[in-house]
Amino acid sequence: ATSAMAQFAKPEDAVKYRQSAFFIMAQNFGRVGAMAQGKAPFDAKVAADSAAVAEYMSKLPWAGFVAGSETAGSTKAKAEIWTDGGKFKDAADKMQAEMTKLAAAAKVGNVEALKTAFGPAASTCKGCHDNFRKD
């Protein structure tokens, strides 16, 4: 945690960092989800590009969950992130794996493949929100 904290001048910076990464991931994931759910027209290039960005961003927020940031700024992070770090890491790893599958499915250029991969990815996001994010 000390080396991770060194990249942030203040605990509030860690919160901003992780929230920014999640925001960009969510924007791109939402674009893919709208296509997978038939709420937006399917565009193979946009789906592939957005899924690739979401996958990349899924790897970034975790560095911002450092000691001292659990109550800093305007965080919605639950204490369980720090008190049950193993469960949190497992959830993060599962989400990243599903984002990788989603990005691979999006590259196929087929809306059915996208739909198949979207559900499990969305489920991992919901799981983290349910267990580790305050309303």
Protein backbone atom coordinates (compact mmCIF):
# COMPACT_ATOMS: atom_id res chain seq x y z
CA ALA A 1 0.00 0.00 0.00
CA THR A 2 2.87 2.38 0.70
CA SER A 3 4.23 2.23 -2.84
CA ALA A 4 0.71 2.63 -4.26
CA MET A 5 0.07 5.58 -1.95
CA ALA A 6 3.27 7.22 -3.17
CA GLN A 7 1.63 7.89 -6.53
CA PHE A 8 -1.10 9.98 -4.86
CA ALA A 9 -0.26 13.26 -3.14
CA LYS A 10 -3.39 13.02 -0.96
CA PRO A 11 -5.94 10.31 -0.19
CA GLU A 12 -8.53 12.41 -2.05
CA ASP A 13 -6.40 12.04 -5.20
CA ALA A 14 -6.66 8.25 -4.91
CA VAL A 15 -10.46 8.56 -4.70
CA LYS A 16 -10.56 10.84 -7.76
CA TYR A 17 -8.30 8.47 -9.66
CA ARG A 18 -10.41 5.38 -9.06
CA GLN A 19 -13.67 7.25 -9.65
CA SER A 20 -12.34 8.62 -12.94
CA ALA A 21 -11.28 5.16 -14.11
CA PHE A 22 -14.68 3.73 -13.19
CA PHE A 23 -16.46 6.62 -14.94
CA ILE A 24 -14.65 6.06 -18.23
CA MET A 25 -15.15 2.30 -17.95
CA ALA A 26 -18.87 2.77 -17.24
CA GLN A 27 -19.37 5.15 -20.16
CA ASN A 28 -17.89 2.65 -22.59
CA PHE A 29 -19.53 -0.36 -20.97
CA GLY A 30 -22.87 1.45 -21.11
CA ARG A 31 -22.46 2.05 -24.83
CA VAL A 32 -21.84 -1.67 -25.36
CA GLY A 33 -24.72 -2.58 -23.06
CA ALA A 34 -27.15 -0.39 -24.94
CA MET A 35 -26.31 -2.30 -28.12
CA ALA A 36 -26.44 -5.69 -26.40
CA GLN A 37 -29.85 -4.87 -24.94
CA GLY A 38 -31.27 -3.51 -28.21
CA LYS A 39 -31.55 0.03 -26.82
CA ALA A 40 -29.11 1.36 -29.43
CA PRO A 41 -28.39 0.19 -32.96
CA PHE A 42 -25.57 -2.32 -33.19
CA ASP A 43 -22.39 -0.83 -34.63
CA ALA A 44 -19.60 -3.41 -34.72
CA LYS A 45 -16.77 -0.84 -34.70
CA VAL A 46 -18.22 1.19 -31.83
CA ALA A 47 -18.91 -2.00 -29.87
CA ALA A 48 -15.37 -3.29 -30.37
CA ASP A 49 -13.75 0.07 -29.59
CA SER A 50 -15.91 0.70 -26.52
CA ALA A 51 -15.44 -2.83 -25.16
CA ALA A 52 -11.67 -2.50 -25.63
CA VAL A 53 -11.64 0.76 -23.65
CA ALA A 54 -13.83 -0.76 -20.92
CA GLU A 55 -11.49 -3.75 -20.71
CA TYR A 56 -8.42 -1.54 -20.43
CA MET A 57 -10.03 0.70 -17.83
CA SER A 58 -11.10 -2.32 -15.78
CA LYS A 59 -7.43 -2.79 -14.86
CA LEU A 60 -6.85 0.72 -13.53
CA PRO A 61 -9.04 1.66 -10.55
CA TRP A 62 -7.56 -0.82 -8.09
CA ALA A 63 -4.40 1.21 -7.48
CA GLY A 64 -6.64 3.92 -6.02
CA PHE A 65 -7.94 1.76 -3.18
CA VAL A 66 -5.14 2.62 -0.80
CA ALA A 67 -5.12 2.92 2.97
CA GLY A 68 -6.29 6.35 4.03
CA SER A 69 -8.64 6.76 1.07
CA GLU A 70 -11.52 4.81 2.60
CA THR A 71 -13.09 7.96 4.04
CA ALA A 72 -11.40 10.60 1.91
CA GLY A 73 -13.34 12.94 -0.31
CA SER A 74 -16.72 11.92 -1.58
CA THR A 75 -16.24 8.16 -1.74
CA LYS A 76 -18.95 5.55 -2.02
CA ALA A 77 -16.52 2.78 -1.13
CA LYS A 78 -17.67 0.52 1.70
CA ALA A 79 -15.33 -0.43 4.53
CA GLU A 80 -15.51 -4.06 3.35
CA ILE A 81 -13.02 -3.18 0.60
CA TRP A 82 -10.38 -2.84 3.29
CA THR A 83 -11.73 -5.29 5.86
CA ASP A 84 -12.30 -8.10 3.33
CA GLY A 85 -9.62 -7.32 0.78
CA GLY A 86 -9.46 -10.91 -0.50
CA LYS A 87 -13.13 -10.93 -1.45
CA PHE A 88 -12.74 -7.50 -3.06
CA LYS A 89 -9.71 -8.64 -5.08
CA ASP A 90 -11.56 -11.77 -6.21
CA ALA A 91 -14.49 -9.63 -7.38
CA ALA A 92 -12.13 -7.28 -9.22
CA ASP A 93 -10.35 -10.20 -10.88
CA LYS A 94 -13.66 -11.73 -12.01
CA MET A 95 -14.80 -8.41 -13.45
CA GLN A 96 -11.56 -7.98 -15.37
CA ALA A 97 -11.83 -11.52 -16.76
CA GLU A 98 -15.40 -10.89 -17.93
CA MET A 99 -14.37 -7.57 -19.50
CA THR A 100 -11.68 -9.44 -21.43
CA LYS A 101 -14.31 -11.91 -22.67
CA LEU A 102 -16.60 -9.01 -23.61
CA ALA A 103 -13.83 -7.29 -25.57
CA ALA A 104 -13.08 -10.54 -27.41
CA ALA A 105 -16.76 -11.07 -28.21
CA ALA A 106 -17.11 -7.49 -29.45
CA LYS A 107 -14.23 -8.01 -31.89
CA VAL A 108 -16.25 -10.77 -33.59
CA GLY A 109 -18.60 -8.10 -34.91
CA ASN A 110 -21.71 -10.11 -34.07
CA VAL A 111 -24.44 -8.75 -31.81
CA GLU A 112 -25.32 -12.25 -30.56
CA ALA A 113 -21.75 -12.80 -29.33
CA LEU A 114 -21.91 -9.39 -27.67
CA LYS A 115 -25.18 -10.26 -25.93
CA THR A 116 -23.74 -13.54 -24.66
CA ALA A 117 -20.71 -11.85 -23.12
CA PHE A 118 -22.49 -8.76 -21.82
CA GLY A 119 -24.66 -10.48 -19.19
CA PRO A 120 -21.84 -12.09 -17.21
CA ALA A 121 -19.79 -8.87 -17.37
CA ALA A 122 -22.74 -6.82 -16.11
CA SER A 123 -23.29 -9.35 -13.35
CA THR A 124 -19.74 -8.88 -12.05
CA CYS A 125 -20.23 -5.11 -12.00
CA LYS A 126 -23.48 -5.49 -10.07
CA GLY A 127 -21.83 -7.87 -7.62
CA CYS A 128 -19.19 -5.32 -6.71
CA HIS A 129 -21.74 -2.54 -6.43
CA ASP A 130 -23.93 -4.67 -4.17
CA ASN A 131 -21.07 -5.74 -1.90
CA PHE A 132 -18.60 -2.88 -1.96
CA ARG A 133 -20.38 0.35 -2.91
CA LYS A 134 -22.62 2.53 -0.77
CA ASP A 135 -25.88 3.65 -2.35
